[in-house]
Amino acid sequence: MKNQTFAVLSGAMIGASGLYAEGLGYQDTPIIPGTPYHVHDGERPQPRIIETAGVVVVKPPSDAKVLFDGSTLDAWTSRKGEPTWEIKGGAMVAKGTDLVTKDEFGAVQLHFEWKIPAGRKVNGQGGGNSGCFLMGKYEIQVLQSNGNKTYPDGQAASLYGQQPPIVNATSPQGEWNSYDITFEPPVYEDGKLKAPAMVTVVHNGVVVQHREAFSGPSGHKKLSEYPAEHPETGPIRLQFHGDPVEYRNFWVRPLGQRDQKN
């Protein structure tokens, strides 16, 4: 997720607030409630590595909103105004700053495919890092996690800083990955949180997060918590972390209700 500035010393990197050994994690962060582990704890068990059939390519359903079809960034903007990302070979490539949808969404089904370029040097959180923020707040981590170890709650398909994936289903570097995500926003009633945001993530055809609760909006090196007020909808945000992560076949379906008339 977050970029850090480090000085290299005796095979380890020293950050502004503690030891960050070879990109594997921290021991000076808060304990995640209900677990014995710190936020970004490098000693937390690594998700079991499995082999999958690879990327699952899904054609957008007829009621989906296509956010990227390989040809235009018209559905996106950035804090700088016009999108800074580039289109190469039918993929949008991270560059310059975060990419943000012009439209806002609440409960959604989301599909996209991503990859890290082959041959790029990747180490821990560096070299192959991005993220998809639902409602602009809740991050599903995008990271090259095949052959690249990092703190488990920061690897691919993690709820960043909160929950590692059940297994590591990441494709080899240079190959495409797919995420199929179902997201439910938090529910507030009378100004108080009634139910947390929930998410299910399918990575390369494998369920790696099953209706997991976000403990609040995603953050770095801190416990998350829900704000006193929360919008009903928000944009989808793709993080630029300094790495040319590629995305394609990006579509979203707002989740409606049963028995609606056409």
C-alpha atoms as a PDB file:
ATOM      1  CA  MET A   1       0.000   0.000   0.000  1.00  0.00           C
ATOM      2  CA  LYS A   2       2.122   2.901   1.286  1.00  0.00           C
ATOM      3  CA  ASN A   3       5.458   4.008  -0.079  1.00  0.00           C
ATOM      4  CA  GLN A   4       8.239   4.196   2.518  1.00  0.00           C
ATOM      5  CA  THR A   5      11.688   5.809   2.527  1.00  0.00           C
ATOM      6  CA  PHE A   6      14.372   3.580   4.032  1.00  0.00           C
ATOM      7  CA  ALA A   7      18.087   3.515   4.642  1.00  0.00           C
ATOM      8  CA  VAL A   8      19.763   0.181   4.040  1.00  0.00           C
ATOM      9  CA  LEU A   9      21.786  -1.108   6.977  1.00  0.00           C
ATOM     10  CA  SER A  10      23.270  -4.603   7.424  1.00  0.00           C
ATOM     11  CA  GLY A  11      20.692  -6.365   5.263  1.00  0.00           C
ATOM     12  CA  ALA A  12      17.704  -4.634   6.874  1.00  0.00           C
ATOM     13  CA  MET A  13      15.836  -1.416   6.182  1.00  0.00           C
ATOM     14  CA  ILE A  14      15.229   1.114   8.919  1.00  0.00           C
ATOM     15  CA  GLY A  15      12.009   3.110   8.575  1.00  0.00           C
ATOM     16  CA  ALA A  16      10.950   6.191  10.444  1.00  0.00           C
ATOM     17  CA  SER A  17       9.322   4.164  13.212  1.00  0.00           C
ATOM     18  CA  GLY A  18      10.946   0.754  13.485  1.00  0.00           C
ATOM     19  CA  LEU A  19      12.719  -2.144  11.894  1.00  0.00           C
ATOM     20  CA  TYR A  20      11.417  -3.306   8.538  1.00  0.00           C
ATOM     21  CA  ALA A  21      13.499  -6.393   7.805  1.00  0.00           C
ATOM     22  CA  GLU A  22      13.737  -7.183   4.114  1.00  0.00           C
ATOM     23  CA  GLY A  23      10.208  -5.937   3.492  1.00  0.00           C
ATOM     24  CA  LEU A  24       8.689  -8.659   5.694  1.00  0.00           C
ATOM     25  CA  GLY A  25       6.871  -6.621   8.299  1.00  0.00           C
ATOM     26  CA  TYR A  26       6.689  -4.647  11.518  1.00  0.00           C
ATOM     27  CA  GLN A  27       6.667  -5.444  15.218  1.00  0.00           C
ATOM     28  CA  ASP A  28       6.020  -1.920  16.518  1.00  0.00           C
ATOM     29  CA  THR A  29       2.437  -1.588  15.270  1.00  0.00           C
ATOM     30  CA  PRO A  30      -0.820  -2.231  17.180  1.00  0.00           C
ATOM     31  CA  ILE A  31      -2.162  -5.737  17.755  1.00  0.00           C
ATOM     32  CA  ILE A  32      -5.136  -6.572  15.520  1.00  0.00           C
ATOM     33  CA  PRO A  33      -8.103  -7.254  17.838  1.00  0.00           C
ATOM     34  CA  GLY A  34      -9.010 -10.948  18.071  1.00  0.00           C
ATOM     35  CA  THR A  35      -5.550 -12.045  16.906  1.00  0.00           C
ATOM     36  CA  PRO A  36      -2.045 -12.256  18.437  1.00  0.00           C
ATOM     37  CA  TYR A  37      -0.609 -10.426  15.422  1.00  0.00           C
ATOM     38  CA  HIS A  38       0.542  -6.884  14.826  1.00  0.00           C
ATOM     39  CA  VAL A  39      -0.703  -4.838  11.885  1.00  0.00           C
ATOM     40  CA  HIS A  40       1.658  -5.832   9.016  1.00  0.00           C
ATOM     41  CA  ASP A  41       3.208  -8.556  11.175  1.00  0.00           C
ATOM     42  CA  GLY A  42       5.974 -10.380   9.302  1.00  0.00           C
ATOM     43  CA  GLU A  43       5.776 -13.263  11.794  1.00  0.00           C
ATOM     44  CA  ARG A  44       2.147 -13.998  10.959  1.00  0.00           C
ATOM     45  CA  PRO A  45       1.890 -17.345   9.080  1.00  0.00           C
ATOM     46  CA  GLN A  46       2.249 -16.955   5.339  1.00  0.00           C
ATOM     47  CA  PRO A  47      -0.848 -18.003   3.358  1.00  0.00           C
ATOM     48  CA  ARG A  48      -0.453 -21.471   1.874  1.00  0.00           C
ATOM     49  CA  ILE A  49       0.666 -21.313  -1.766  1.00  0.00           C
ATOM     50  CA  ILE A  50      -1.563 -23.095  -4.273  1.00  0.00           C
ATOM     51  CA  GLU A  51      -1.430 -23.551  -8.029  1.00  0.00           C
ATOM     52  CA  THR A  52      -4.474 -22.442 -10.010  1.00  0.00           C
ATOM     53  CA  ALA A  53      -5.549 -22.639 -13.641  1.00  0.00           C
ATOM     54  CA  GLY A  54      -4.642 -18.975 -13.902  1.00  0.00           C
ATOM     55  CA  VAL A  55      -6.623 -15.908 -14.867  1.00  0.00           C
ATOM     56  CA  VAL A  56     -10.403 -16.222 -15.247  1.00  0.00           C
ATOM     57  CA  VAL A  57     -11.592 -14.000 -18.079  1.00  0.00           C
ATOM     58  CA  VAL A  58     -15.252 -13.032 -17.755  1.00  0.00           C
ATOM     59  CA  LYS A  59     -17.177 -11.143 -20.418  1.00  0.00           C
ATOM     60  CA  PRO A  60     -19.115  -8.205 -18.948  1.00  0.00           C
ATOM     61  CA  PRO A  61     -22.781  -9.119 -18.348  1.00  0.00           C
ATOM     62  CA  SER A  62     -25.373  -7.049 -20.213  1.00  0.00           C
ATOM     63  CA  ASP A  63     -26.187  -4.999 -17.101  1.00  0.00           C
ATOM     64  CA  ALA A  64     -22.570  -4.261 -16.195  1.00  0.00           C
ATOM     65  CA  LYS A  65     -20.938  -0.860 -16.438  1.00  0.00           C
ATOM     66  CA  VAL A  66     -17.683  -1.300 -18.328  1.00  0.00           C
ATOM     67  CA  LEU A  67     -14.972   0.823 -16.748  1.00  0.00           C
ATOM     68  CA  PHE A  68     -12.204  -0.237 -19.118  1.00  0.00           C
ATOM     69  CA  ASP A  69     -12.473  -2.256 -22.331  1.00  0.00           C
ATOM     70  CA  GLY A  70      -8.938  -1.737 -23.604  1.00  0.00           C
ATOM     71  CA  SER A  71      -9.603   1.400 -25.598  1.00  0.00           C
ATOM     72  CA  THR A  72     -10.428   4.428 -23.444  1.00  0.00           C
ATOM     73  CA  LEU A  73     -10.107   5.918 -19.942  1.00  0.00           C
ATOM     74  CA  ASP A  74     -13.345   7.899 -20.283  1.00  0.00           C
ATOM     75  CA  ALA A  75     -14.811   6.333 -17.124  1.00  0.00           C
ATOM     76  CA  TRP A  76     -11.905   7.556 -14.996  1.00  0.00           C
ATOM     77  CA  THR A  77     -10.417  10.712 -13.559  1.00  0.00           C
ATOM     78  CA  SER A  78      -7.673  11.586 -11.066  1.00  0.00           C
ATOM     79  CA  ARG A  79      -6.863  14.189  -8.442  1.00  0.00           C
ATOM     80  CA  LYS A  80      -4.918  15.936 -11.207  1.00  0.00           C
ATOM     81  CA  GLY A  81      -8.011  16.062 -13.405  1.00  0.00           C
ATOM     82  CA  GLU A  82      -7.375  14.031 -16.523  1.00  0.00           C
ATOM     83  CA  PRO A  83      -6.172  10.417 -16.016  1.00  0.00           C
ATOM     84  CA  THR A  84      -2.388  10.114 -15.929  1.00  0.00           C
ATOM     85  CA  TRP A  85      -2.366   6.375 -16.719  1.00  0.00           C
ATOM     86  CA  GLU A  86      -1.458   5.079 -20.174  1.00  0.00           C
ATOM     87  CA  ILE A  87      -3.081   2.503 -22.447  1.00  0.00           C
ATOM     88  CA  LYS A  88      -0.670  -0.063 -23.877  1.00  0.00           C
ATOM     89  CA  GLY A  89      -1.562  -3.317 -25.605  1.00  0.00           C
ATOM     90  CA  GLY A  90      -5.183  -3.191 -24.466  1.00  0.00           C
ATOM     91  CA  ALA A  91      -4.263  -2.626 -20.801  1.00  0.00           C
ATOM     92  CA  MET A  92      -4.256   0.514 -18.678  1.00  0.00           C
ATOM     93  CA  VAL A  93      -0.878   0.986 -17.027  1.00  0.00           C
ATOM     94  CA  ALA A  94      -0.456   2.725 -13.664  1.00  0.00           C
ATOM     95  CA  LYS A  95       1.401   6.025 -13.923  1.00  0.00           C
ATOM     96  CA  GLY A  96       1.563   9.367 -12.157  1.00  0.00           C
ATOM     97  CA  THR A  97      -1.221   9.242  -9.574  1.00  0.00           C
ATOM     98  CA  ASP A  98      -4.231   7.205  -8.448  1.00  0.00           C
ATOM     99  CA  LEU A  99      -7.037   6.536 -10.918  1.00  0.00           C
ATOM    100  CA  VAL A 100     -10.599   7.192  -9.710  1.00  0.00           C
ATOM    101  CA  THR A 101     -13.960   6.375 -11.307  1.00  0.00           C
ATOM    102  CA  LYS A 102     -16.178   9.276 -12.259  1.00  0.00           C
ATOM    103  CA  ASP A 103     -19.206   7.320 -11.026  1.00  0.00           C
ATOM    104  CA  GLU A 104     -19.818   6.277  -7.439  1.00  0.00           C
ATOM    105  CA  PHE A 105     -21.062   2.903  -6.235  1.00  0.00           C
ATOM    106  CA  GLY A 106     -22.377   1.152  -3.152  1.00  0.00           C
ATOM    107  CA  ALA A 107     -22.913  -2.612  -3.147  1.00  0.00           C
ATOM    108  CA  VAL A 108     -21.251  -4.087  -6.232  1.00  0.00           C
ATOM    109  CA  GLN A 109     -19.968  -7.103  -8.107  1.00  0.00           C
ATOM    110  CA  LEU A 110     -16.609  -6.199  -9.596  1.00  0.00           C
ATOM    111  CA  HIS A 111     -14.314  -7.980 -12.059  1.00  0.00           C
ATOM    112  CA  PHE A 112     -10.884  -6.997 -13.304  1.00  0.00           C
ATOM    113  CA  GLU A 113      -7.607  -8.568 -14.397  1.00  0.00           C
ATOM    114  CA  TRP A 114      -4.124  -7.384 -13.480  1.00  0.00           C
ATOM    115  CA  LYS A 115      -0.455  -8.267 -13.854  1.00  0.00           C
ATOM    116  CA  ILE A 116       3.051  -7.125 -13.011  1.00  0.00           C
ATOM    117  CA  PRO A 117       5.403  -6.875 -16.016  1.00  0.00           C
ATOM    118  CA  ALA A 118       7.795  -9.791 -16.402  1.00  0.00           C
ATOM    119  CA  GLY A 119      11.397  -9.010 -15.535  1.00  0.00           C
ATOM    120  CA  ARG A 120      10.601  -6.137 -13.191  1.00  0.00           C
ATOM    121  CA  LYS A 121      12.508  -6.317  -9.896  1.00  0.00           C
ATOM    122  CA  VAL A 122      10.061  -6.984  -7.064  1.00  0.00           C
ATOM    123  CA  ASN A 123      10.928  -7.124  -3.353  1.00  0.00           C
ATOM    124  CA  GLY A 124       8.288  -7.224  -0.628  1.00  0.00           C
ATOM    125  CA  GLN A 125       5.998  -4.223  -1.053  1.00  0.00           C
ATOM    126  CA  GLY A 126       8.231  -2.691  -3.713  1.00  0.00           C
ATOM    127  CA  GLY A 127       8.231  -3.141  -7.469  1.00  0.00           C
ATOM    128  CA  GLY A 128       4.827  -4.711  -8.021  1.00  0.00           C
ATOM    129  CA  ASN A 129       2.320  -2.907  -5.820  1.00  0.00           C
ATOM    130  CA  SER A 130      -1.101  -1.347  -6.367  1.00  0.00           C
ATOM    131  CA  GLY A 131      -4.537  -1.713  -4.813  1.00  0.00           C
ATOM    132  CA  CYS A 132      -8.248  -1.468  -5.503  1.00  0.00           C
ATOM    133  CA  PHE A 133     -10.128   0.749  -3.037  1.00  0.00           C
ATOM    134  CA  LEU A 134     -13.864   0.100  -2.906  1.00  0.00           C
ATOM    135  CA  MET A 135     -15.820   3.299  -2.199  1.00  0.00           C
ATOM    136  CA  GLY A 136     -12.355   4.866  -2.274  1.00  0.00           C
ATOM    137  CA  LYS A 137     -11.789   3.538   1.262  1.00  0.00           C
ATOM    138  CA  TYR A 138     -11.566  -0.267   1.486  1.00  0.00           C
ATOM    139  CA  GLU A 139      -8.473  -1.767  -0.127  1.00  0.00           C
ATOM    140  CA  ILE A 140      -8.081  -5.146  -1.763  1.00  0.00           C
ATOM    141  CA  GLN A 141      -4.325  -5.384  -2.223  1.00  0.00           C
ATOM    142  CA  VAL A 142      -2.775  -5.893  -5.653  1.00  0.00           C
ATOM    143  CA  LEU A 143       0.783  -7.217  -5.319  1.00  0.00           C
ATOM    144  CA  GLN A 144       3.128  -9.642  -7.034  1.00  0.00           C
ATOM    145  CA  SER A 145       2.922 -12.403  -4.410  1.00  0.00           C
ATOM    146  CA  ASN A 146       4.096 -15.372  -6.464  1.00  0.00           C
ATOM    147  CA  GLY A 147       7.709 -15.876  -5.385  1.00  0.00           C
ATOM    148  CA  ASN A 148       7.680 -12.663  -3.364  1.00  0.00           C
ATOM    149  CA  LYS A 149       7.237 -12.752   0.410  1.00  0.00           C
ATOM    150  CA  THR A 150       5.894  -9.845   2.442  1.00  0.00           C
ATOM    151  CA  TYR A 151       3.765  -9.348   5.536  1.00  0.00           C
ATOM    152  CA  PRO A 152       0.655 -11.526   5.045  1.00  0.00           C
ATOM    153  CA  ASP A 153      -1.912  -8.766   5.560  1.00  0.00           C
ATOM    154  CA  GLY A 154      -0.231  -6.894   2.696  1.00  0.00           C
ATOM    155  CA  GLN A 155       0.043  -9.645   0.090  1.00  0.00           C
ATOM    156  CA  ALA A 156      -2.165 -10.036  -2.989  1.00  0.00           C
ATOM    157  CA  ALA A 157      -5.910 -10.272  -2.231  1.00  0.00           C
ATOM    158  CA  SER A 158      -5.490  -9.214   1.388  1.00  0.00           C
ATOM    159  CA  LEU A 159      -7.789  -6.749   3.101  1.00  0.00           C
ATOM    160  CA  TYR A 160      -4.810  -4.471   3.479  1.00  0.00           C
ATOM    161  CA  GLY A 161      -3.623  -4.224   7.068  1.00  0.00           C
ATOM    162  CA  GLN A 162      -6.501  -6.376   8.308  1.00  0.00           C
ATOM    163  CA  GLN A 163      -6.927  -9.863   6.829  1.00  0.00           C
ATOM    164  CA  PRO A 164      -4.522 -12.025   4.771  1.00  0.00           C
ATOM    165  CA  PRO A 165      -6.094 -14.178   2.068  1.00  0.00           C
ATOM    166  CA  ILE A 166      -6.915 -17.775   2.983  1.00  0.00           C
ATOM    167  CA  VAL A 167      -4.392 -18.988   0.384  1.00  0.00           C
ATOM    168  CA  ASN A 168      -1.873 -17.416  -1.992  1.00  0.00           C
ATOM    169  CA  ALA A 169      -3.330 -17.914  -5.483  1.00  0.00           C
ATOM    170  CA  THR A 170      -1.124 -15.419  -7.341  1.00  0.00           C
ATOM    171  CA  SER A 171       0.037 -16.176 -10.885  1.00  0.00           C
ATOM    172  CA  PRO A 172       3.743 -16.042 -11.803  1.00  0.00           C
ATOM    173  CA  GLN A 173       5.071 -12.597 -12.610  1.00  0.00           C
ATOM    174  CA  GLY A 174       4.233 -11.532 -16.147  1.00  0.00           C
ATOM    175  CA  GLU A 175       0.998 -13.573 -16.188  1.00  0.00           C
ATOM    176  CA  TRP A 176      -2.492 -12.185 -15.702  1.00  0.00           C
ATOM    177  CA  ASN A 177      -4.491 -12.521 -12.483  1.00  0.00           C
ATOM    178  CA  SER A 178      -8.238 -12.052 -12.030  1.00  0.00           C
ATOM    179  CA  TYR A 179     -10.235 -10.697  -9.116  1.00  0.00           C
ATOM    180  CA  ASP A 180     -13.970 -11.234  -8.771  1.00  0.00           C
ATOM    181  CA  ILE A 181     -15.197  -9.188  -5.827  1.00  0.00           C
ATOM    182  CA  THR A 182     -18.566  -8.819  -4.133  1.00  0.00           C
ATOM    183  CA  PHE A 183     -18.727  -5.852  -1.791  1.00  0.00           C
ATOM    184  CA  GLU A 184     -21.365  -4.625   0.650  1.00  0.00           C
ATOM    185  CA  PRO A 185     -20.948  -1.156   2.208  1.00  0.00           C
ATOM    186  CA  PRO A 186     -21.283  -0.646   5.948  1.00  0.00           C
ATOM    187  CA  VAL A 187     -24.782  -0.021   7.288  1.00  0.00           C
ATOM    188  CA  TYR A 188     -25.443   2.924   9.584  1.00  0.00           C
ATOM    189  CA  GLU A 189     -28.615   3.459  11.564  1.00  0.00           C
ATOM    190  CA  ASP A 190     -29.435   6.541  13.621  1.00  0.00           C
ATOM    191  CA  GLY A 191     -25.880   7.770  13.144  1.00  0.00           C
ATOM    192  CA  LYS A 192     -24.292   4.575  14.439  1.00  0.00           C
ATOM    193  CA  LEU A 193     -22.596   1.635  12.726  1.00  0.00           C
ATOM    194  CA  LYS A 194     -25.060  -1.256  12.495  1.00  0.00           C
ATOM    195  CA  ALA A 195     -23.118  -3.624  10.218  1.00  0.00           C
ATOM    196  CA  PRO A 196     -19.535  -3.460   8.841  1.00  0.00           C
ATOM    197  CA  ALA A 197     -18.527  -3.471   5.206  1.00  0.00           C
ATOM    198  CA  MET A 198     -18.284  -7.033   3.883  1.00  0.00           C
ATOM    199  CA  VAL A 199     -16.338  -8.494   0.978  1.00  0.00           C
ATOM    200  CA  THR A 200     -15.828 -11.772  -0.878  1.00  0.00           C
ATOM    201  CA  VAL A 201     -12.800 -12.094  -3.175  1.00  0.00           C
ATOM    202  CA  VAL A 202     -12.219 -14.805  -5.786  1.00  0.00           C
ATOM    203  CA  HIS A 203      -8.611 -14.784  -7.030  1.00  0.00           C
ATOM    204  CA  ASN A 204      -7.949 -16.746 -10.231  1.00  0.00           C
ATOM    205  CA  GLY A 205     -11.103 -18.785  -9.605  1.00  0.00           C
ATOM    206  CA  VAL A 206     -10.276 -19.500  -5.934  1.00  0.00           C
ATOM    207  CA  VAL A 207     -12.187 -18.046  -2.983  1.00  0.00           C
ATOM    208  CA  VAL A 208      -9.549 -16.303  -0.841  1.00  0.00           C
ATOM    209  CA  GLN A 209     -11.810 -14.013   1.219  1.00  0.00           C
ATOM    210  CA  HIS A 210     -15.272 -15.306   2.147  1.00  0.00           C
ATOM    211  CA  ARG A 211     -17.634 -12.582   3.329  1.00  0.00           C
ATOM    212  CA  GLU A 212     -14.971 -11.031   5.489  1.00  0.00           C
ATOM    213  CA  ALA A 213     -15.715  -7.887   7.487  1.00  0.00           C
ATOM    214  CA  PHE A 214     -13.599  -4.768   7.133  1.00  0.00           C
ATOM    215  CA  SER A 215     -12.800  -3.351  10.555  1.00  0.00           C
ATOM    216  CA  GLY A 216     -12.931   0.099   8.972  1.00  0.00           C
ATOM    217  CA  PRO A 217     -11.392   1.987   6.043  1.00  0.00           C
ATOM    218  CA  SER A 218      -7.931   0.715   5.126  1.00  0.00           C
ATOM    219  CA  GLY A 219      -4.795   2.306   6.564  1.00  0.00           C
ATOM    220  CA  HIS A 220      -1.068   1.770   6.958  1.00  0.00           C
ATOM    221  CA  LYS A 221       0.560   0.684  10.250  1.00  0.00           C
ATOM    222  CA  LYS A 222      -2.553   1.476  12.292  1.00  0.00           C
ATOM    223  CA  LEU A 223      -5.827  -0.051  13.407  1.00  0.00           C
ATOM    224  CA  SER A 224      -8.785   0.917  11.283  1.00  0.00           C
ATOM    225  CA  GLU A 225     -12.046   2.234  12.647  1.00  0.00           C
ATOM    226  CA  TYR A 226     -15.315   3.427  11.196  1.00  0.00           C
ATOM    227  CA  PRO A 227     -16.024   7.152  11.058  1.00  0.00           C
ATOM    228  CA  ALA A 228     -18.993   8.763  12.759  1.00  0.00           C
ATOM    229  CA  GLU A 229     -20.501   9.470   9.336  1.00  0.00           C
ATOM    230  CA  HIS A 230     -20.205   7.466   6.120  1.00  0.00           C
ATOM    231  CA  PRO A 231     -21.364   8.115   2.547  1.00  0.00           C
ATOM    232  CA  GLU A 232     -23.802   5.717   0.888  1.00  0.00           C
ATOM    233  CA  THR A 233     -21.681   5.511  -2.260  1.00  0.00           C
ATOM    234  CA  GLY A 234     -18.116   6.205  -3.322  1.00  0.00           C
ATOM    235  CA  PRO A 235     -15.774   5.842  -6.297  1.00  0.00           C
ATOM    236  CA  ILE A 236     -13.545   2.905  -7.107  1.00  0.00           C
ATOM    237  CA  ARG A 237      -9.912   3.990  -6.753  1.00  0.00           C
ATOM    238  CA  LEU A 238      -6.858   2.256  -8.201  1.00  0.00           C
ATOM    239  CA  GLN A 239      -3.611   3.041  -6.423  1.00  0.00           C
ATOM    240  CA  PHE A 240      -0.453   4.212  -8.137  1.00  0.00           C
ATOM    241  CA  HIS A 241       2.368   3.008  -5.883  1.00  0.00           C
ATOM    242  CA  GLY A 242       5.195   3.865  -8.250  1.00  0.00           C
ATOM    243  CA  ASP A 243       4.913   0.600 -10.202  1.00  0.00           C
ATOM    244  CA  PRO A 244       3.570   0.085 -13.761  1.00  0.00           C
ATOM    245  CA  VAL A 245       0.866  -2.417 -12.787  1.00  0.00           C
ATOM    246  CA  GLU A 246      -1.404  -3.300 -15.705  1.00  0.00           C
ATOM    247  CA  TYR A 247      -5.213  -3.676 -15.618  1.00  0.00           C
ATOM    248  CA  ARG A 248      -7.716  -4.892 -18.198  1.00  0.00           C
ATOM    249  CA  ASN A 249     -11.348  -6.088 -18.610  1.00  0.00           C
ATOM    250  CA  PHE A 250     -12.609  -3.915 -15.760  1.00  0.00           C
ATOM    251  CA  TRP A 251     -16.370  -3.900 -15.151  1.00  0.00           C
ATOM    252  CA  VAL A 252     -18.804  -3.412 -12.283  1.00  0.00           C
ATOM    253  CA  ARG A 253     -22.409  -4.373 -11.543  1.00  0.00           C
ATOM    254  CA  PRO A 254     -24.301  -2.447  -8.868  1.00  0.00           C
ATOM    255  CA  LEU A 255     -26.181  -5.041  -6.832  1.00  0.00           C
ATOM    256  CA  GLY A 256     -29.925  -4.485  -7.047  1.00  0.00           C
ATOM    257  CA  GLN A 257     -32.865  -6.065  -5.249  1.00  0.00           C
ATOM    258  CA  ARG A 258     -34.926  -9.117  -6.123  1.00  0.00           C
ATOM    259  CA  ASP A 259     -38.322  -8.802  -7.795  1.00  0.00           C
ATOM    260  CA  GLN A 260     -37.553  -5.464  -9.416  1.00  0.00           C
ATOM    261  CA  LYS A 261     -39.553  -4.703 -12.534  1.00  0.00           C
ATOM    262  CA  ASN A 262     -37.637  -4.198 -15.784  1.00  0.00           C
END
